[in-house]
C-alpha atoms as a PDB file:
ATOM      1  CA  UNK A   1     -20.434  10.194 -37.607  1.00  0.00           C
ATOM      2  CA  UNK A   2     -20.466   8.110 -40.766  1.00  0.00           C
ATOM      3  CA  UNK A   3     -20.704   9.552 -44.250  1.00  0.00           C
ATOM      4  CA  UNK A   4     -22.644   7.777 -46.950  1.00  0.00           C
ATOM      5  CA  UNK A   5     -21.501   7.812 -50.588  1.00  0.00           C
ATOM      6  CA  UNK A   6     -23.580   6.859 -53.620  1.00  0.00           C
ATOM      7  CA  UNK A   7     -21.757   4.711 -56.193  1.00  0.00           C
ATOM      8  CA  UNK A   8     -23.665   4.260 -59.429  1.00  0.00           C
ATOM      9  CA  UNK A   9     -23.294   2.922 -62.956  1.00  0.00           C
ATOM     10  CA  UNK A  10     -21.963  -0.425 -61.762  1.00  0.00           C
ATOM     11  CA  UNK A  11     -21.515  -2.906 -64.620  1.00  0.00           C
ATOM     12  CA  UNK A  12     -23.622  -5.999 -65.185  1.00  0.00           C
ATOM     13  CA  UNK A  13     -22.000  -9.081 -63.724  1.00  0.00           C
ATOM     14  CA  UNK A  14     -20.815  -6.983 -60.798  1.00  0.00           C
ATOM     15  CA  UNK A  15     -18.252  -8.727 -58.548  1.00  0.00           C
ATOM     16  CA  UNK A  16     -18.455  -7.500 -54.930  1.00  0.00           C
ATOM     17  CA  UNK A  17     -15.008  -8.793 -53.876  1.00  0.00           C
ATOM     18  CA  UNK A  18     -13.229  -7.236 -56.840  1.00  0.00           C
ATOM     19  CA  UNK A  19     -14.897  -3.876 -56.199  1.00  0.00           C
ATOM     20  CA  UNK A  20     -14.101  -4.054 -52.467  1.00  0.00           C
ATOM     21  CA  UNK A  21     -10.430  -4.412 -53.450  1.00  0.00           C
ATOM     22  CA  UNK A  22     -10.629  -1.198 -55.464  1.00  0.00           C
ATOM     23  CA  UNK A  23     -12.284   0.628 -52.558  1.00  0.00           C
ATOM     24  CA  UNK A  24      -9.701  -0.681 -50.060  1.00  0.00           C
ATOM     25  CA  UNK A  25      -6.897   0.575 -52.327  1.00  0.00           C
ATOM     26  CA  UNK A  26      -8.313   4.089 -51.917  1.00  0.00           C
ATOM     27  CA  UNK A  27      -9.215   3.911 -48.218  1.00  0.00           C
ATOM     28  CA  UNK A  28      -9.111   1.165 -45.588  1.00  0.00           C
ATOM     29  CA  UNK A  29     -12.016   2.460 -43.525  1.00  0.00           C
ATOM     30  CA  UNK A  30     -14.805   2.023 -46.057  1.00  0.00           C
ATOM     31  CA  UNK A  31     -17.701  -0.430 -46.244  1.00  0.00           C
ATOM     32  CA  UNK A  32     -19.722  -0.983 -49.403  1.00  0.00           C
ATOM     33  CA  UNK A  33     -23.137  -2.525 -49.891  1.00  0.00           C
ATOM     34  CA  UNK A  34     -24.591  -3.082 -53.346  1.00  0.00           C
ATOM     35  CA  UNK A  35     -28.357  -2.686 -53.812  1.00  0.00           C
ATOM     36  CA  UNK A  36     -29.914  -5.931 -55.065  1.00  0.00           C
ATOM     37  CA  UNK A  37     -33.122  -6.577 -56.962  1.00  0.00           C
ATOM     38  CA  UNK A  38     -35.624  -8.266 -54.633  1.00  0.00           C
ATOM     39  CA  UNK A  39     -36.684 -10.897 -57.133  1.00  0.00           C
ATOM     40  CA  UNK A  40     -33.536 -11.750 -59.096  1.00  0.00           C
ATOM     41  CA  UNK A  41     -30.984 -11.011 -56.318  1.00  0.00           C
ATOM     42  CA  UNK A  42     -28.747  -9.340 -58.928  1.00  0.00           C
ATOM     43  CA  UNK A  43     -27.163  -5.901 -58.665  1.00  0.00           C
ATOM     44  CA  UNK A  44     -29.434  -2.988 -59.573  1.00  0.00           C
ATOM     45  CA  UNK A  45     -26.377  -1.058 -60.802  1.00  0.00           C
ATOM     46  CA  UNK A  46     -25.680   1.025 -57.714  1.00  0.00           C
ATOM     47  CA  UNK A  47     -24.765   0.813 -54.067  1.00  0.00           C
ATOM     48  CA  UNK A  48     -23.670   2.815 -51.049  1.00  0.00           C
ATOM     49  CA  UNK A  49     -20.284   3.111 -49.382  1.00  0.00           C
ATOM     50  CA  UNK A  50     -19.955   4.230 -45.785  1.00  0.00           C
ATOM     51  CA  UNK A  51     -16.831   5.804 -44.348  1.00  0.00           C
ATOM     52  CA  UNK A  52     -15.980   7.267 -40.958  1.00  0.00           C
ATOM     53  CA  UNK A  53     -14.807  10.768 -41.892  1.00  0.00           C
ATOM     54  CA  UNK A  54     -15.163  13.479 -44.496  1.00  0.00           C
ATOM     55  CA  UNK A  55     -11.548  13.262 -45.690  1.00  0.00           C
ATOM     56  CA  UNK A  56     -11.990   9.610 -46.694  1.00  0.00           C
ATOM     57  CA  UNK A  57     -15.301  10.425 -48.383  1.00  0.00           C
ATOM     58  CA  UNK A  58     -13.747  13.216 -50.441  1.00  0.00           C
ATOM     59  CA  UNK A  59     -10.781  10.995 -51.345  1.00  0.00           C
ATOM     60  CA  UNK A  60     -13.083   8.189 -52.539  1.00  0.00           C
ATOM     61  CA  UNK A  61     -15.164  10.609 -54.606  1.00  0.00           C
ATOM     62  CA  UNK A  62     -12.044  12.207 -56.113  1.00  0.00           C
ATOM     63  CA  UNK A  63     -10.383   8.894 -57.029  1.00  0.00           C
ATOM     64  CA  UNK A  64     -13.415   6.872 -58.189  1.00  0.00           C
ATOM     65  CA  UNK A  65     -15.775   9.382 -59.844  1.00  0.00           C
ATOM     66  CA  UNK A  66     -15.374   8.681 -63.559  1.00  0.00           C
ATOM     67  CA  UNK A  67     -13.156   5.643 -62.862  1.00  0.00           C
ATOM     68  CA  UNK A  68     -13.660   2.948 -65.488  1.00  0.00           C
ATOM     69  CA  UNK A  69     -14.644  -0.390 -63.942  1.00  0.00           C
ATOM     70  CA  UNK A  70     -15.292  -3.275 -66.348  1.00  0.00           C
ATOM     71  CA  UNK A  71     -16.299  -0.939 -69.170  1.00  0.00           C
ATOM     72  CA  UNK A  72     -18.509   1.384 -67.089  1.00  0.00           C
ATOM     73  CA  UNK A  73     -17.518   4.808 -65.820  1.00  0.00           C
ATOM     74  CA  UNK A  74     -18.540   4.979 -62.162  1.00  0.00           C
ATOM     75  CA  UNK A  75     -20.615   7.820 -60.787  1.00  0.00           C
ATOM     76  CA  UNK A  76     -19.537   8.595 -57.224  1.00  0.00           C
ATOM     77  CA  UNK A  77     -21.006  11.367 -55.088  1.00  0.00           C
ATOM     78  CA  UNK A  78     -22.207  12.106 -51.581  1.00  0.00           C
ATOM     79  CA  UNK A  79     -25.518  10.424 -50.886  1.00  0.00           C
ATOM     80  CA  UNK A  80     -28.474  12.706 -50.354  1.00  0.00           C
ATOM     81  CA  UNK A  81     -30.386  12.016 -47.188  1.00  0.00           C
ATOM     82  CA  UNK A  82     -34.045  11.240 -47.410  1.00  0.00           C
ATOM     83  CA  UNK A  83     -35.918  13.915 -45.541  1.00  0.00           C
ATOM     84  CA  UNK A  84     -39.383  13.617 -44.075  1.00  0.00           C
ATOM     85  CA  UNK A  85     -40.651  16.564 -46.178  1.00  0.00           C
ATOM     86  CA  UNK A  86     -40.625  14.402 -49.314  1.00  0.00           C
ATOM     87  CA  UNK A  87     -42.788  11.839 -47.518  1.00  0.00           C
ATOM     88  CA  UNK A  88     -45.187  14.546 -46.319  1.00  0.00           C
ATOM     89  CA  UNK A  89     -45.597  15.757 -49.886  1.00  0.00           C
ATOM     90  CA  UNK A  90     -46.654  12.253 -50.986  1.00  0.00           C
ATOM     91  CA  UNK A  91     -49.086  11.800 -48.088  1.00  0.00           C
ATOM     92  CA  UNK A  92     -51.014  15.071 -48.445  1.00  0.00           C
ATOM     93  CA  UNK A  93     -54.693  14.362 -48.905  1.00  0.00           C
ATOM     94  CA  UNK A  94     -54.256  10.611 -48.683  1.00  0.00           C
ATOM     95  CA  UNK A  95     -55.068   8.079 -46.047  1.00  0.00           C
ATOM     96  CA  UNK A  96     -52.035   6.698 -44.187  1.00  0.00           C
ATOM     97  CA  UNK A  97     -53.530   3.206 -44.190  1.00  0.00           C
ATOM     98  CA  UNK A  98     -53.944   3.282 -47.957  1.00  0.00           C
ATOM     99  CA  UNK A  99     -51.693   0.748 -49.689  1.00  0.00           C
ATOM    100  CA  UNK A 100     -49.405   1.641 -52.564  1.00  0.00           C
ATOM    101  CA  UNK A 101     -50.878   1.158 -55.978  1.00  0.00           C
ATOM    102  CA  UNK A 102     -50.018  -2.286 -57.310  1.00  0.00           C
ATOM    103  CA  UNK A 103     -48.272  -2.521 -60.636  1.00  0.00           C
ATOM    104  CA  UNK A 104     -46.962  -5.352 -62.718  1.00  0.00           C
ATOM    105  CA  UNK A 105     -43.208  -5.520 -62.880  1.00  0.00           C
ATOM    106  CA  UNK A 106     -41.865  -6.625 -66.237  1.00  0.00           C
ATOM    107  CA  UNK A 107     -39.170  -9.247 -65.862  1.00  0.00           C
ATOM    108  CA  UNK A 108     -37.402 -10.535 -68.944  1.00  0.00           C
ATOM    109  CA  UNK A 109     -36.804 -14.233 -68.756  1.00  0.00           C
ATOM    110  CA  UNK A 110     -36.180 -17.279 -70.883  1.00  0.00           C
ATOM    111  CA  UNK A 111     -38.877 -19.125 -68.950  1.00  0.00           C
ATOM    112  CA  UNK A 112     -42.009 -20.027 -70.949  1.00  0.00           C
ATOM    113  CA  UNK A 113     -44.709 -17.380 -70.942  1.00  0.00           C
ATOM    114  CA  UNK A 114     -47.650 -18.715 -68.942  1.00  0.00           C
ATOM    115  CA  UNK A 115     -50.088 -16.425 -70.768  1.00  0.00           C
ATOM    116  CA  UNK A 116     -49.140 -17.794 -74.199  1.00  0.00           C
ATOM    117  CA  UNK A 117     -51.252 -20.674 -75.531  1.00  0.00           C
ATOM    118  CA  UNK A 118     -49.921 -24.196 -75.230  1.00  0.00           C
ATOM    119  CA  UNK A 119     -48.166 -25.034 -78.525  1.00  0.00           C
ATOM    120  CA  UNK A 120     -49.722 -28.501 -78.496  1.00  0.00           C
ATOM    121  CA  UNK A 121     -53.117 -26.835 -79.082  1.00  0.00           C
ATOM    122  CA  UNK A 122     -51.987 -24.490 -81.849  1.00  0.00           C
ATOM    123  CA  UNK A 123     -53.624 -26.566 -84.612  1.00  0.00           C
ATOM    124  CA  UNK A 124     -56.932 -26.758 -82.732  1.00  0.00           C
ATOM    125  CA  UNK A 125     -56.850 -23.028 -82.050  1.00  0.00           C
ATOM    126  CA  UNK A 126     -56.320 -22.190 -85.719  1.00  0.00           C
ATOM    127  CA  UNK A 127     -59.280 -24.434 -86.694  1.00  0.00           C
ATOM    128  CA  UNK A 128     -61.468 -22.715 -84.116  1.00  0.00           C
ATOM    129  CA  UNK A 129     -60.441 -19.273 -85.394  1.00  0.00           C
ATOM    130  CA  UNK A 130     -61.314 -20.331 -88.977  1.00  0.00           C
ATOM    131  CA  UNK A 131     -64.734 -21.595 -87.860  1.00  0.00           C
ATOM    132  CA  UNK A 132     -65.478 -18.355 -86.035  1.00  0.00           C
ATOM    133  CA  UNK A 133     -64.318 -16.244 -88.983  1.00  0.00           C
ATOM    134  CA  UNK A 134     -66.549 -18.188 -91.413  1.00  0.00           C
ATOM    135  CA  UNK A 135     -69.659 -17.875 -89.289  1.00  0.00           C
ATOM    136  CA  UNK A 136     -72.367 -15.645 -90.716  1.00  0.00           C
ATOM    137  CA  UNK A 137     -74.226 -13.332 -88.422  1.00  0.00           C
ATOM    138  CA  UNK A 138     -78.059 -13.647 -88.511  1.00  0.00           C
ATOM    139  CA  UNK A 139     -79.912 -10.754 -90.131  1.00  0.00           C
END
């Protein structure tokens, strides 16, 4: 039986190999997988370690909970299992075939904003705004 451990508050610029070295110094029989953002493929700031027995899990939690790694204090605890009751609560009164509500994810980027007007037309846009502002409405 494997035991799953939540490891949170990972620093930005997370280095998987460096962190694996820290985990291996505590216990040899541990595997770690960081959770990545689907779009940017960067760490979301947490991951899960899996170990074979409870003694190793307790040792990892004891040694690494509150451990400072690259300026961030790690949060290490046993992972809570997802149970089907939480899914039942969300599905009450809803159709199973109904899709999740779409939402726009905000991603900060240095890329040009496609919704912003083209700067080459800025002068023309300001002239158009002036014309519209000076128009008189018929009585």
